[in-house]
Protein backbone atom coordinates (compact mmCIF):
# COMPACT_ATOMS: atom_id res chain seq x y z
CA UNK A 1 47.05 -83.41 -82.61
CA UNK A 2 44.15 -85.59 -81.52
CA UNK A 3 42.83 -85.91 -78.01
CA UNK A 4 42.64 -89.29 -76.23
CA UNK A 5 39.67 -90.15 -73.99
CA UNK A 6 39.81 -93.24 -71.82
CA UNK A 7 37.09 -95.29 -70.19
CA UNK A 8 37.37 -98.14 -67.72
CA UNK A 9 35.00 -100.28 -65.78
CA UNK A 10 34.14 -103.65 -64.35
CA UNK A 11 31.44 -105.82 -65.89
CA UNK A 12 29.69 -108.83 -64.47
CA UNK A 13 29.48 -111.94 -66.61
CA UNK A 14 26.86 -111.67 -69.37
CA UNK A 15 26.33 -107.91 -69.10
CA UNK A 16 26.85 -104.81 -71.20
CA UNK A 17 27.61 -101.19 -70.45
CA UNK A 18 26.82 -98.10 -72.50
CA UNK A 19 29.56 -95.50 -72.97
CA UNK A 20 27.93 -92.17 -73.73
CA UNK A 21 29.66 -90.28 -76.55
CA UNK A 22 26.80 -88.40 -78.23
CA UNK A 23 27.15 -84.67 -78.76
CA UNK A 24 24.52 -82.14 -79.77
CA UNK A 25 25.88 -81.65 -83.29
CA UNK A 26 27.63 -84.99 -83.99
CA UNK A 27 30.78 -83.24 -85.21
CA UNK A 28 33.01 -85.08 -82.73
CA UNK A 29 34.16 -88.47 -83.93
CA UNK A 30 36.01 -91.30 -82.23
CA UNK A 31 37.99 -94.40 -83.08
CA UNK A 32 39.28 -97.08 -80.71
CA UNK A 33 43.04 -96.96 -80.18
CA UNK A 34 43.41 -99.48 -77.32
CA UNK A 35 41.27 -102.19 -75.78
CA UNK A 36 42.57 -104.12 -72.77
CA UNK A 37 40.89 -106.51 -70.34
CA UNK A 38 41.86 -108.32 -67.16
CA UNK A 39 39.91 -110.68 -64.89
CA UNK A 40 38.37 -109.38 -61.68
CA UNK A 41 40.57 -111.78 -59.68
CA UNK A 42 43.67 -112.56 -61.79
CA UNK A 43 45.15 -116.00 -61.23
CA UNK A 44 42.37 -117.23 -58.96
CA UNK A 45 40.22 -119.10 -61.50
CA UNK A 46 40.35 -120.69 -64.88
CA UNK A 47 38.74 -118.05 -67.07
CA UNK A 48 38.02 -117.27 -70.70
CA UNK A 49 36.74 -113.72 -70.96
CA UNK A 50 35.49 -112.17 -74.19
CA UNK A 51 34.90 -108.42 -74.26
CA UNK A 52 33.35 -106.91 -77.38
CA UNK A 53 32.67 -103.29 -78.29
CA UNK A 54 29.69 -102.54 -80.53
CA UNK A 55 28.20 -99.42 -82.08
CA UNK A 56 24.69 -100.64 -81.21
CA UNK A 57 23.09 -102.05 -78.09
CA UNK A 58 22.91 -105.86 -77.85
CA UNK A 59 19.72 -107.70 -77.03
CA UNK A 60 21.84 -110.52 -75.56
CA UNK A 61 25.49 -110.98 -74.62
CA UNK A 62 27.61 -113.90 -75.80
CA UNK A 63 31.16 -115.01 -76.52
CA UNK A 64 30.68 -115.66 -80.24
CA UNK A 65 32.83 -113.28 -82.30
CA UNK A 66 31.73 -112.36 -85.83
CA UNK A 67 34.11 -110.11 -87.77
CA UNK A 68 31.49 -109.69 -90.51
CA UNK A 69 29.23 -107.84 -88.03
CA UNK A 70 29.49 -104.20 -89.15
CA UNK A 71 28.58 -103.00 -85.63
CA UNK A 72 31.62 -104.74 -84.06
CA UNK A 73 34.31 -102.13 -83.29
CA UNK A 74 36.75 -104.29 -81.33
CA UNK A 75 37.18 -107.49 -79.34
CA UNK A 76 39.55 -108.68 -76.63
CA UNK A 77 39.95 -112.21 -75.28
CA UNK A 78 41.75 -113.12 -72.08
CA UNK A 79 42.33 -116.75 -71.07
CA UNK A 80 43.99 -118.09 -67.94
CA UNK A 81 44.22 -121.50 -66.36
CA UNK A 82 44.73 -122.61 -62.80
CA UNK A 83 48.33 -123.62 -63.64
CA UNK A 84 49.32 -119.99 -64.44
CA UNK A 85 48.94 -120.10 -68.21
CA UNK A 86 47.44 -116.92 -69.63
CA UNK A 87 47.00 -115.29 -73.00
CA UNK A 88 45.57 -112.03 -74.27
CA UNK A 89 44.42 -111.10 -77.76
CA UNK A 90 42.92 -107.79 -78.84
CA UNK A 91 41.65 -106.79 -82.28
CA UNK A 92 40.52 -103.22 -82.90
CA UNK A 93 39.02 -102.04 -86.17
CA UNK A 94 40.72 -98.65 -85.97
CA UNK A 95 39.44 -97.46 -89.33
CA UNK A 96 35.88 -97.35 -87.95
CA UNK A 97 34.93 -93.80 -86.98
CA UNK A 98 31.80 -93.31 -84.91
CA UNK A 99 30.03 -90.36 -83.28
CA UNK A 100 27.37 -92.11 -81.19
CA UNK A 101 27.35 -94.15 -77.98
CA UNK A 102 29.16 -97.49 -77.90
CA UNK A 103 28.37 -100.66 -75.96
CA UNK A 104 30.84 -102.93 -74.15
CA UNK A 105 29.85 -106.56 -73.46
CA UNK A 106 31.56 -109.23 -71.35
CA UNK A 107 31.10 -113.00 -71.39
CA UNK A 108 33.13 -115.42 -69.25
CA UNK A 109 32.72 -118.95 -70.61
CA UNK A 110 34.62 -120.68 -67.78
CA UNK A 111 33.55 -118.84 -64.66
CA UNK A 112 30.99 -116.21 -63.71
CA UNK A 113 33.46 -113.79 -62.17
CA UNK A 114 33.41 -111.03 -64.80
CA UNK A 115 36.29 -108.69 -65.48
CA UNK A 116 37.65 -105.23 -66.12
CA UNK A 117 38.06 -103.31 -69.36
CA UNK A 118 40.08 -100.28 -70.42
CA UNK A 119 39.39 -98.45 -73.69
CA UNK A 120 41.26 -95.52 -75.23
CA UNK A 121 39.43 -93.54 -77.89
CA UNK A 122 41.03 -91.07 -80.25
CA UNK A 123 38.79 -88.01 -80.48
CA UNK A 124 38.66 -86.03 -83.73
CA UNK A 125 36.74 -83.19 -85.32
CA UNK A 126 34.48 -84.28 -88.16
CA UNK A 127 33.50 -82.06 -91.05
CA UNK A 128 29.85 -82.04 -92.11
CA UNK A 129 30.31 -84.82 -94.69
CA UNK A 130 32.15 -87.11 -92.23
CA UNK A 131 29.49 -86.42 -89.59
CA UNK A 132 26.72 -87.35 -92.02
CA UNK A 133 28.46 -90.61 -93.01
CA UNK A 134 29.10 -91.61 -89.36
CA UNK A 135 25.52 -90.83 -88.34
CA UNK A 136 23.99 -92.65 -91.31
CA UNK A 137 26.16 -95.71 -90.57
CA UNK A 138 24.84 -95.72 -87.00
CA UNK A 139 21.25 -95.37 -88.16
CA UNK A 140 21.66 -98.17 -90.72
CA UNK A 141 23.17 -100.48 -88.07
CA UNK A 142 20.38 -100.03 -85.52
CA UNK A 143 18.59 -103.34 -85.33
CA UNK A 144 21.30 -105.06 -87.39
CA UNK A 145 22.14 -107.45 -84.55
């Protein structure tokens, strides 16, 4: 049975946060199971929030989503309007296994209020071959932004 680790936080508009997952031997792997977001002040503003999770640090934060980006691990979009319409979409690439830190970004294209995120990661033991593959993928993706 796998162990679930959860992380939550609040991000200002246009920022990113590092979630530290590195271990000394790299034999612990993770995959995203859930990714949820909610505005800092639900219902107060018209908002369009995009939260993305990457395996590498971003030099800039934006709302453009590119599924061909191999460093993208998941994305969630929350939209609400002043007349109480809201929608939520979340896409998680749950086949991606990683063993290094991940980076969460938030961009609000309608307001500068920011928002909250909640991530559940499935933790697993990696054998030496899986650890090598995960680490090499991370090394290859550094600077791929």
